[in-house]
N, C-alpha and C. Protein backbone atom coordinates (compact mmCIF):
# COMPACT_ATOMS: atom_id res chain seq x y z
N MET A 1 7.80 3.29 -21.53
CA MET A 1 7.87 4.38 -20.72
C MET A 1 8.81 3.79 -19.53
N LYS A 2 9.73 4.60 -19.19
CA LYS A 2 10.99 4.89 -18.07
C LYS A 2 10.40 5.19 -16.43
N LEU A 3 10.70 4.59 -15.43
CA LEU A 3 9.98 4.93 -14.32
C LEU A 3 11.15 4.91 -13.47
N PHE A 4 11.44 6.10 -12.53
CA PHE A 4 12.74 6.46 -11.83
C PHE A 4 12.20 7.11 -10.46
N PHE A 5 12.26 6.12 -9.26
CA PHE A 5 11.73 6.44 -8.12
C PHE A 5 12.99 7.20 -7.21
N PHE A 6 14.05 7.23 -7.64
CA PHE A 6 15.51 7.47 -7.50
C PHE A 6 15.88 8.99 -8.14
N ASP A 7 16.12 9.77 -7.08
CA ASP A 7 16.58 11.29 -8.54
C ASP A 7 17.90 11.85 -7.76
N GLU A 8 18.95 11.63 -8.04
CA GLU A 8 20.06 12.07 -7.38
C GLU A 8 20.44 13.63 -7.39
N ASP A 9 19.88 13.96 -8.23
CA ASP A 9 19.74 15.66 -8.28
C ASP A 9 18.95 16.78 -7.21
N SER A 10 17.98 15.70 -6.88
CA SER A 10 16.92 15.95 -5.76
C SER A 10 17.80 16.72 -4.39
N GLN A 11 16.78 17.51 -3.84
CA GLN A 11 17.33 17.64 -2.34
C GLN A 11 17.22 16.25 -1.49
N ASP A 12 15.84 16.10 -1.65
CA ASP A 12 15.96 14.67 -1.36
C ASP A 12 15.34 13.63 -1.92
N PRO A 13 16.51 12.60 -2.54
CA PRO A 13 16.18 12.00 -3.55
C PRO A 13 14.94 10.60 -3.16
N ASP A 14 14.81 10.75 -2.02
CA ASP A 14 13.86 9.94 -2.04
C ASP A 14 12.26 10.15 -1.71
N TRP A 15 12.10 11.49 -2.61
CA TRP A 15 10.81 12.29 -2.43
C TRP A 15 9.61 11.34 -3.33
N ASN A 16 10.03 10.96 -4.51
CA ASN A 16 8.88 9.75 -5.15
C ASN A 16 8.57 9.19 -4.53
N VAL A 17 9.56 8.48 -3.64
CA VAL A 17 8.86 7.52 -3.04
C VAL A 17 8.08 7.49 -1.50
N CYS A 18 8.43 9.10 -1.13
CA CYS A 18 7.43 9.30 -0.25
C CYS A 18 6.27 9.92 -0.29
N GLN A 19 6.62 10.09 -1.35
CA GLN A 19 5.09 10.54 -2.03
C GLN A 19 4.22 9.63 -2.20
N CYS A 20 4.45 8.05 -3.23
CA CYS A 20 3.95 7.09 -3.20
C CYS A 20 3.48 6.64 -1.82
N TYR A 21 4.34 6.41 -0.83
CA TYR A 21 3.59 6.15 0.30
C TYR A 21 2.65 6.98 1.20
N MET A 22 2.61 8.21 0.76
CA MET A 22 1.60 8.97 1.59
C MET A 22 0.25 8.99 0.20
N LEU A 23 0.54 8.58 -0.89
CA LEU A 23 -0.80 8.08 -1.67
C LEU A 23 -1.68 6.61 -1.17
N LEU A 24 -0.46 5.78 -1.03
CA LEU A 24 -0.91 4.25 -0.10
C LEU A 24 -1.64 4.73 1.03
N ILE A 25 -1.60 5.35 1.97
CA ILE A 25 -1.66 5.50 3.10
C ILE A 25 -3.24 6.47 3.29
N ALA A 26 -3.06 7.57 1.99
CA ALA A 26 -4.31 8.15 1.67
C ALA A 26 -5.70 7.37 0.84
N SER A 27 -4.90 6.41 0.29
CA SER A 27 -6.01 5.71 0.03
C SER A 27 -6.61 4.52 0.97
N ALA A 28 -6.31 4.37 1.53
CA ALA A 28 -7.39 3.53 2.59
C ALA A 28 -8.07 4.53 3.21
N THR A 29 -8.01 6.01 3.36
CA THR A 29 -9.24 6.74 3.62
C THR A 29 -9.78 7.07 2.57
N GLU A 30 -10.30 6.77 1.57
CA GLU A 30 -10.80 7.26 0.42
C GLU A 30 -12.14 6.10 0.31
N ILE A 31 -13.22 6.53 -0.10
CA ILE A 31 -14.53 6.04 -0.35
C ILE A 31 -14.85 5.52 -1.39
N VAL A 32 -13.74 5.49 -2.14
CA VAL A 32 -14.02 5.05 -3.52
C VAL A 32 -13.66 3.53 -3.90
N THR A 33 -14.31 2.61 -4.47
CA THR A 33 -13.45 1.54 -4.63
C THR A 33 -12.88 1.32 -5.76
N GLY A 34 -11.65 0.66 -6.61
CA GLY A 34 -10.75 0.40 -7.19
C GLY A 34 -9.95 1.93 -7.55
N VAL A 35 -8.53 1.24 -7.76
CA VAL A 35 -7.60 1.86 -7.87
C VAL A 35 -7.85 3.07 -8.75
N GLU A 36 -8.62 2.65 -10.13
CA GLU A 36 -8.70 3.76 -11.26
C GLU A 36 -9.20 4.97 -10.61
N LYS A 37 -10.18 4.63 -9.62
CA LYS A 37 -11.25 5.96 -9.10
C LYS A 37 -10.59 6.81 -8.36
N LEU A 38 -9.33 6.57 -8.13
CA LEU A 38 -8.61 7.31 -6.83
C LEU A 38 -7.86 8.59 -7.88
N TRP A 39 -7.61 8.26 -9.21
CA TRP A 39 -7.09 9.05 -10.32
C TRP A 39 -8.08 9.95 -10.92
N LYS A 40 -9.76 9.90 -10.62
CA LYS A 40 -10.54 10.58 -11.50
C LYS A 40 -10.39 11.65 -10.45
N SER A 41 -11.31 12.77 -11.11
CA SER A 41 -11.20 14.22 -10.50
C SER A 41 -12.89 14.48 -10.82
N GLY A 42 -13.31 15.33 -9.96
CA GLY A 42 -14.44 16.17 -10.21
C GLY A 42 -15.26 15.56 -9.29
N PRO A 43 -16.86 15.89 -9.37
CA PRO A 43 -17.72 15.05 -8.75
C PRO A 43 -18.07 13.76 -9.19
N SER A 44 -18.22 12.86 -8.10
CA SER A 44 -18.90 11.75 -8.13
C SER A 44 -20.16 10.70 -8.19
N ALA A 45 -20.94 10.27 -7.90
CA ALA A 45 -22.36 9.73 -8.22
C ALA A 45 -22.96 10.21 -6.85
N GLY A 46 -21.94 10.22 -5.89
CA GLY A 46 -22.63 10.53 -4.21
C GLY A 46 -22.07 11.93 -3.95
N GLN A 47 -22.04 12.34 -2.67
CA GLN A 47 -21.82 13.64 -2.34
C GLN A 47 -20.14 13.91 -2.39
N HIS A 48 -19.61 13.04 -2.29
CA HIS A 48 -17.81 13.28 -1.87
C HIS A 48 -17.32 13.23 -3.45
N THR A 49 -16.62 14.18 -3.91
CA THR A 49 -15.48 14.02 -4.92
C THR A 49 -14.79 13.31 -5.39
N TYR A 50 -14.28 12.96 -6.32
CA TYR A 50 -13.11 11.97 -6.45
C TYR A 50 -11.88 12.98 -5.95
N PRO A 51 -11.00 11.71 -5.23
CA PRO A 51 -9.69 12.18 -4.75
C PRO A 51 -8.77 12.98 -5.83
N ASP A 52 -8.82 12.73 -6.64
CA ASP A 52 -8.08 13.06 -8.04
C ASP A 52 -5.86 12.92 -7.11
N PHE A 53 -5.61 11.65 -7.40
CA PHE A 53 -4.18 11.40 -7.30
C PHE A 53 -3.32 11.83 -8.02
N GLY A 54 -3.98 12.31 -9.43
CA GLY A 54 -3.03 12.42 -10.20
C GLY A 54 -2.49 13.85 -10.23
N GLN A 55 -3.08 14.41 -9.38
CA GLN A 55 -2.15 15.90 -9.07
C GLN A 55 -0.70 15.40 -8.38
N TYR A 56 -0.58 14.61 -7.79
CA TYR A 56 0.22 14.14 -6.91
C TYR A 56 1.26 13.12 -8.12
N LYS A 57 1.17 12.26 -8.39
CA LYS A 57 1.68 11.14 -9.11
C LYS A 57 0.68 10.45 -10.34
N PRO A 58 1.23 10.35 -11.61
CA PRO A 58 0.89 9.37 -12.50
C PRO A 58 0.21 8.11 -12.10
N THR A 59 -0.44 7.24 -12.68
CA THR A 59 -0.88 6.08 -11.95
C THR A 59 -0.13 4.74 -12.58
N ASN A 60 0.92 5.26 -13.30
CA ASN A 60 1.53 4.31 -13.56
C ASN A 60 3.14 4.14 -12.27
N TYR A 61 2.97 5.29 -12.11
CA TYR A 61 4.11 5.34 -10.91
C TYR A 61 3.47 4.49 -9.81
N PHE A 62 2.31 4.81 -9.21
CA PHE A 62 1.86 4.35 -7.98
C PHE A 62 1.76 2.78 -8.41
N LYS A 63 1.21 2.21 -9.33
CA LYS A 63 1.34 0.74 -9.38
C LYS A 63 2.48 0.16 -9.15
N ALA A 64 3.21 1.09 -10.25
CA ALA A 64 4.76 0.34 -10.32
C ALA A 64 4.99 0.45 -8.76
N PHE A 65 5.39 1.61 -7.90
CA PHE A 65 5.66 1.41 -6.57
C PHE A 65 4.53 0.13 -5.88
N CYS A 66 3.39 -0.03 -6.19
CA CYS A 66 2.80 -1.04 -5.19
C CYS A 66 3.49 -2.29 -5.77
N CYS A 67 3.88 -2.55 -6.78
CA CYS A 67 4.35 -3.93 -7.31
C CYS A 67 5.79 -3.93 -6.60
N ALA A 68 6.29 -3.00 -6.25
CA ALA A 68 8.32 -3.18 -5.49
C ALA A 68 7.97 -2.74 -4.02
N ALA A 69 7.03 -2.64 -3.42
CA ALA A 69 7.06 -1.91 -1.97
C ALA A 69 6.90 -3.00 -1.52
N PRO A 70 6.62 -4.10 -1.18
CA PRO A 70 6.89 -5.33 -0.54
C PRO A 70 8.35 -5.96 -0.44
N PHE A 71 9.02 -5.30 -1.19
CA PHE A 71 10.56 -5.70 -1.41
C PHE A 71 11.51 -4.38 -0.82
N CYS A 72 10.72 -3.62 -0.58
CA CYS A 72 11.78 -2.82 0.29
C CYS A 72 11.91 -3.12 1.38
N TRP A 73 11.49 -4.10 2.09
CA TRP A 73 12.22 -4.53 3.84
C TRP A 73 12.26 -5.85 3.37
N SER A 74 12.52 -6.71 2.29
CA SER A 74 12.95 -8.09 2.15
C SER A 74 14.49 -8.01 2.28
N ASP A 75 14.80 -9.01 2.13
CA ASP A 75 16.79 -9.88 1.94
C ASP A 75 16.65 -9.26 0.64
N GLU A 76 18.16 -8.60 0.12
CA GLU A 76 18.27 -8.27 -1.40
C GLU A 76 18.25 -9.76 -2.00
N CYS A 77 18.29 -10.73 -1.83
CA CYS A 77 18.56 -11.86 -2.45
C CYS A 77 17.39 -12.08 -3.07
N TYR A 78 16.31 -11.99 -2.47
CA TYR A 78 14.53 -11.82 -3.48
C TYR A 78 15.00 -10.78 -4.60
N TRP A 79 15.40 -9.77 -4.50
CA TRP A 79 15.19 -8.81 -5.43
C TRP A 79 15.26 -9.12 -6.76
N TYR A 80 16.06 -9.71 -7.24
CA TYR A 80 16.20 -10.03 -8.44
C TYR A 80 15.65 -11.72 -8.92
N GLU A 81 14.68 -12.43 -8.34
CA GLU A 81 14.28 -13.54 -8.51
C GLU A 81 13.01 -13.40 -9.37
N ASP A 82 12.61 -14.07 -10.16
CA ASP A 82 11.51 -13.84 -10.77
C ASP A 82 10.31 -14.06 -9.76
N THR A 83 8.93 -13.37 -10.03
CA THR A 83 8.29 -13.40 -9.13
C THR A 83 7.38 -14.65 -8.72
N ARG A 84 7.47 -15.49 -9.80
CA ARG A 84 7.01 -17.13 -9.99
C ARG A 84 7.67 -17.56 -8.77
N ASP A 85 8.93 -17.53 -8.53
CA ASP A 85 9.89 -18.26 -7.53
C ASP A 85 9.99 -17.57 -6.24
N VAL A 86 9.06 -16.25 -5.95
CA VAL A 86 9.81 -15.59 -4.57
C VAL A 86 8.58 -15.99 -3.63
N PRO A 87 9.52 -16.69 -2.42
CA PRO A 87 8.87 -17.36 -1.91
C PRO A 87 7.75 -16.11 -0.57
N TRP A 88 6.99 -16.66 0.23
CA TRP A 88 6.26 -15.78 1.06
C TRP A 88 6.90 -15.11 2.06
N ASP A 89 8.37 -15.33 2.39
CA ASP A 89 9.01 -14.96 3.67
C ASP A 89 9.65 -13.39 3.14
N VAL A 90 9.08 -12.95 1.92
CA VAL A 90 9.52 -11.72 1.47
C VAL A 90 8.58 -10.98 1.58
N PHE A 91 7.28 -11.24 2.00
CA PHE A 91 6.27 -10.48 2.73
C PHE A 91 6.19 -10.31 4.70
N LEU A 92 7.06 -11.39 5.25
CA LEU A 92 7.01 -11.52 6.79
C LEU A 92 7.68 -10.09 7.24
N PRO A 93 8.68 -9.53 7.17
CA PRO A 93 8.23 -8.06 7.45
C PRO A 93 7.06 -7.22 7.62
N CYS A 94 6.28 -7.47 6.53
CA CYS A 94 5.06 -6.41 6.32
C CYS A 94 4.24 -6.40 7.11
N PRO A 95 3.89 -7.63 7.83
CA PRO A 95 2.68 -7.72 8.06
C PRO A 95 2.70 -6.97 9.56
N LEU A 96 1.97 -6.89 10.15
CA LEU A 96 1.89 -6.25 11.68
C LEU A 96 1.87 -7.35 12.63
N LYS A 97 2.73 -7.27 13.73
CA LYS A 97 2.68 -8.26 14.72
C LYS A 97 1.24 -7.50 16.10
N LEU A 98 1.03 -8.80 16.29
CA LEU A 98 -0.38 -8.58 17.07
C LEU A 98 -0.03 -8.69 18.24
N GLY A 99 1.42 -8.46 19.12
CA GLY A 99 1.70 -8.60 20.43
C GLY A 99 1.25 -9.56 21.23
N GLY A 100 1.26 -10.51 21.03
CA GLY A 100 0.69 -11.70 21.61
C GLY A 100 -0.35 -12.31 21.59
N LEU A 101 -1.44 -10.92 20.93
CA LEU A 101 -3.14 -11.37 20.76
C LEU A 101 -3.31 -11.98 19.86
N PRO A 102 -4.51 -12.81 20.26
CA PRO A 102 -5.10 -13.75 18.82
C PRO A 102 -5.56 -12.78 17.97
N ASN A 103 -5.19 -12.98 16.94
CA ASN A 103 -6.07 -12.42 15.68
C ASN A 103 -7.61 -12.36 15.56
N TYR A 104 -8.16 -11.41 16.34
CA TYR A 104 -9.61 -11.74 16.53
C TYR A 104 -10.99 -11.87 15.22
N THR A 105 -10.30 -11.51 14.23
CA THR A 105 -11.01 -11.86 12.89
C THR A 105 -11.45 -13.36 12.86
N TYR A 106 -10.85 -14.16 13.45
CA TYR A 106 -10.85 -15.44 13.31
C TYR A 106 -11.17 -16.27 14.41
N GLU A 107 -11.60 -15.19 15.42
CA GLU A 107 -12.43 -15.59 16.82
C GLU A 107 -13.93 -16.03 16.71
N PRO A 108 -14.40 -17.03 17.09
CA PRO A 108 -15.61 -17.06 17.06
C PRO A 108 -16.50 -16.30 18.27
N ARG A 109 -17.43 -15.50 18.00
CA ARG A 109 -17.97 -14.44 18.86
C ARG A 109 -18.84 -15.15 19.59
N LYS A 110 -19.67 -16.15 18.93
CA LYS A 110 -20.83 -16.52 19.78
C LYS A 110 -20.53 -18.10 19.89
N PRO A 111 -21.70 -18.17 21.12
CA PRO A 111 -21.66 -18.21 22.29
C PRO A 111 -20.86 -17.92 23.31
N ILE A 112 -19.61 -17.92 23.01
CA ILE A 112 -18.69 -17.77 23.99
C ILE A 112 -18.43 -15.98 24.37
N PRO A 113 -18.31 -16.08 25.42
CA PRO A 113 -17.98 -14.65 25.49
C PRO A 113 -16.18 -14.19 25.30
N LEU A 114 -15.76 -13.40 24.65
CA LEU A 114 -14.25 -12.94 24.35
C LEU A 114 -14.20 -12.26 25.41
N GLY A 115 -14.32 -11.32 26.43
CA GLY A 115 -14.02 -10.65 27.40
C GLY A 115 -13.88 -9.49 26.51
N THR A 116 -12.64 -8.60 27.05
CA THR A 116 -12.59 -7.36 26.73
C THR A 116 -11.74 -7.29 25.38
N MET A 117 -12.01 -6.40 24.37
CA MET A 117 -11.43 -6.87 23.27
C MET A 117 -11.16 -5.26 22.55
N PHE A 118 -10.63 -4.66 22.03
CA PHE A 118 -10.09 -3.70 21.31
C PHE A 118 -11.03 -3.27 19.86
């Protein structure tokens, strides 16, 4: 199966990429565990129904997009290297900057008070 994310004939050639980013953001708000369950439809075991992302994109498109997404902002020299040889520098544009604040997930919580935290 060949997957194409760029469509020259479309009014918006990046529509497929925008859809995949939308699904990536929407998946963070879902309460299901595992990518496979995001594509299920119908009632789940709880009160929440499955999200049914399949109505927007096939799961193969989304998995291929997730593999390629970190390279969108990386330098072009990393695009054609074997994945085993790609350095961690590819992902440096992706992490959020903390604005000089410490990463609170690694701060000891007790017995020293940390002051005001967000």
